[in-house]
């Protein structure tokens, strides 16, 4: 069983969560990982990958307040959802210090 805090590096910065699974996922060639693990085991504990991305579908073993601690990832998902509706959006820049501080604090916790 794979249990503990996890930090993975993605195109949207670090994603944080908690993993609690016994699954072992190996990605096919046409599927990209959501990120690579810095702390934790991710998809299978072997290849350093976490999650999967194909087109507009994102999968992950991450549990917990992922979006609250990963504001760039939240922005990406919101942008994709709005653009999928045929509209276009550009978000105003917000102060993400509270979210980034929560992320930094969570990264310092022991496994």
Protein backbone atom coordinates (compact mmCIF):
# COMPACT_ATOMS: atom_id res chain seq x y z
CA UNK A 1 0.00 0.00 0.00
CA UNK A 2 1.30 3.47 -0.90
CA UNK A 3 0.41 6.06 1.72
CA UNK A 4 1.80 9.50 2.50
CA UNK A 5 2.29 13.08 1.40
CA UNK A 6 3.27 13.58 -2.21
CA UNK A 7 4.82 16.48 -4.13
CA UNK A 8 5.11 16.31 -7.88
CA UNK A 9 6.59 18.77 -10.33
CA UNK A 10 4.29 19.68 -13.22
CA UNK A 11 4.03 22.32 -15.92
CA UNK A 12 1.98 24.29 -13.37
CA UNK A 13 4.58 24.17 -10.61
CA UNK A 14 4.47 21.78 -7.68
CA UNK A 15 1.28 19.83 -7.05
CA UNK A 16 0.73 18.65 -3.49
CA UNK A 17 -1.57 16.06 -2.06
CA UNK A 18 -1.83 12.83 -0.16
CA UNK A 19 -1.63 9.42 -1.78
CA UNK A 20 -3.38 6.36 -0.41
CA UNK A 21 -3.61 3.58 -2.98
CA UNK A 22 -2.46 0.11 -3.83
CA UNK A 23 -2.75 0.62 -7.57
CA UNK A 24 0.17 0.60 -9.96
CA UNK A 25 -0.44 2.59 -13.12
CA UNK A 26 1.90 2.49 -16.11
CA UNK A 27 1.22 5.00 -18.87
CA UNK A 28 0.93 4.11 -22.52
CA UNK A 29 3.13 5.92 -25.04
CA UNK A 30 0.42 8.40 -26.08
CA UNK A 31 -0.40 9.41 -22.49
CA UNK A 32 1.70 12.05 -20.75
CA UNK A 33 2.25 12.13 -16.98
CA UNK A 34 0.70 15.00 -15.02
CA UNK A 35 4.06 15.42 -13.31
CA UNK A 36 7.11 13.76 -11.81
CA UNK A 37 7.43 12.89 -8.15
CA UNK A 38 9.78 14.83 -5.88
CA UNK A 39 8.36 13.27 -2.71
CA UNK A 40 6.17 10.19 -2.73
CA UNK A 41 5.59 7.26 -5.05
CA UNK A 42 3.09 8.47 -7.67
CA UNK A 43 1.66 6.16 -10.30
CA UNK A 44 3.62 3.04 -9.49
CA UNK A 45 6.64 3.74 -7.29
CA UNK A 46 8.97 2.76 -10.14
CA UNK A 47 9.18 5.39 -12.88
CA UNK A 48 8.78 8.69 -11.00
CA UNK A 49 5.55 9.68 -12.74
CA UNK A 50 2.33 10.94 -11.17
CA UNK A 51 -1.05 11.13 -12.85
CA UNK A 52 -1.95 11.16 -16.51
CA UNK A 53 -2.95 13.77 -19.07
CA UNK A 54 -4.62 13.14 -22.40
CA UNK A 55 -6.26 16.01 -24.26
CA UNK A 56 -8.46 17.75 -21.63
CA UNK A 57 -8.57 14.79 -19.22
CA UNK A 58 -6.43 14.85 -16.06
CA UNK A 59 -6.06 11.89 -13.71
CA UNK A 60 -4.12 11.63 -10.48
CA UNK A 61 -3.63 9.67 -7.28
CA UNK A 62 -3.40 12.98 -5.39
CA UNK A 63 -5.98 13.50 -2.63
CA UNK A 64 -6.53 16.60 -0.56
CA UNK A 65 -6.81 20.29 -1.40
CA UNK A 66 -4.79 20.07 -4.62
CA UNK A 67 -6.36 23.13 -6.24
CA UNK A 68 -6.10 25.29 -3.12
CA UNK A 69 -2.37 24.55 -2.81
CA UNK A 70 -1.67 24.66 -6.56
CA UNK A 71 -3.20 27.90 -7.89
CA UNK A 72 -1.56 27.64 -11.33
CA UNK A 73 -3.11 24.20 -11.83
CA UNK A 74 -6.51 25.56 -10.74
CA UNK A 75 -6.13 28.38 -13.26
CA UNK A 76 -5.25 25.89 -16.01
CA UNK A 77 -8.35 23.77 -15.34
CA UNK A 78 -10.63 26.82 -15.20
CA UNK A 79 -9.19 28.20 -18.43
CA UNK A 80 -9.62 24.87 -20.23
CA UNK A 81 -13.21 24.53 -19.00
CA UNK A 82 -14.18 28.04 -20.10
CA UNK A 83 -12.39 27.75 -23.44
CA UNK A 84 -14.17 24.43 -24.06
CA UNK A 85 -17.46 26.37 -23.93
CA UNK A 86 -16.31 28.43 -26.92
CA UNK A 87 -15.55 31.50 -24.85
CA UNK A 88 -12.12 32.95 -24.30
CA UNK A 89 -10.83 34.14 -20.96
CA UNK A 90 -7.81 35.89 -19.56
CA UNK A 91 -7.71 35.93 -15.77
CA UNK A 92 -6.67 38.98 -13.82
CA UNK A 93 -3.51 38.38 -11.84
CA UNK A 94 -4.38 37.64 -8.22
CA UNK A 95 -2.19 37.55 -5.15
CA UNK A 96 -1.48 33.82 -4.65
CA UNK A 97 0.74 34.30 -1.58
CA UNK A 98 -1.70 32.61 0.82
CA UNK A 99 -1.99 29.55 -1.43
CA UNK A 100 1.75 29.42 -2.08
CA UNK A 101 2.47 29.70 1.66
CA UNK A 102 0.10 26.77 2.29
CA UNK A 103 1.94 24.84 -0.41
CA UNK A 104 5.35 25.59 1.10
CA UNK A 105 4.14 24.62 4.57
CA UNK A 106 2.70 21.34 3.31
CA UNK A 107 5.93 20.48 1.48
CA UNK A 108 7.90 20.78 4.71
CA UNK A 109 5.79 18.16 6.51
CA UNK A 110 7.34 14.76 6.96
CA UNK A 111 6.12 11.78 4.95
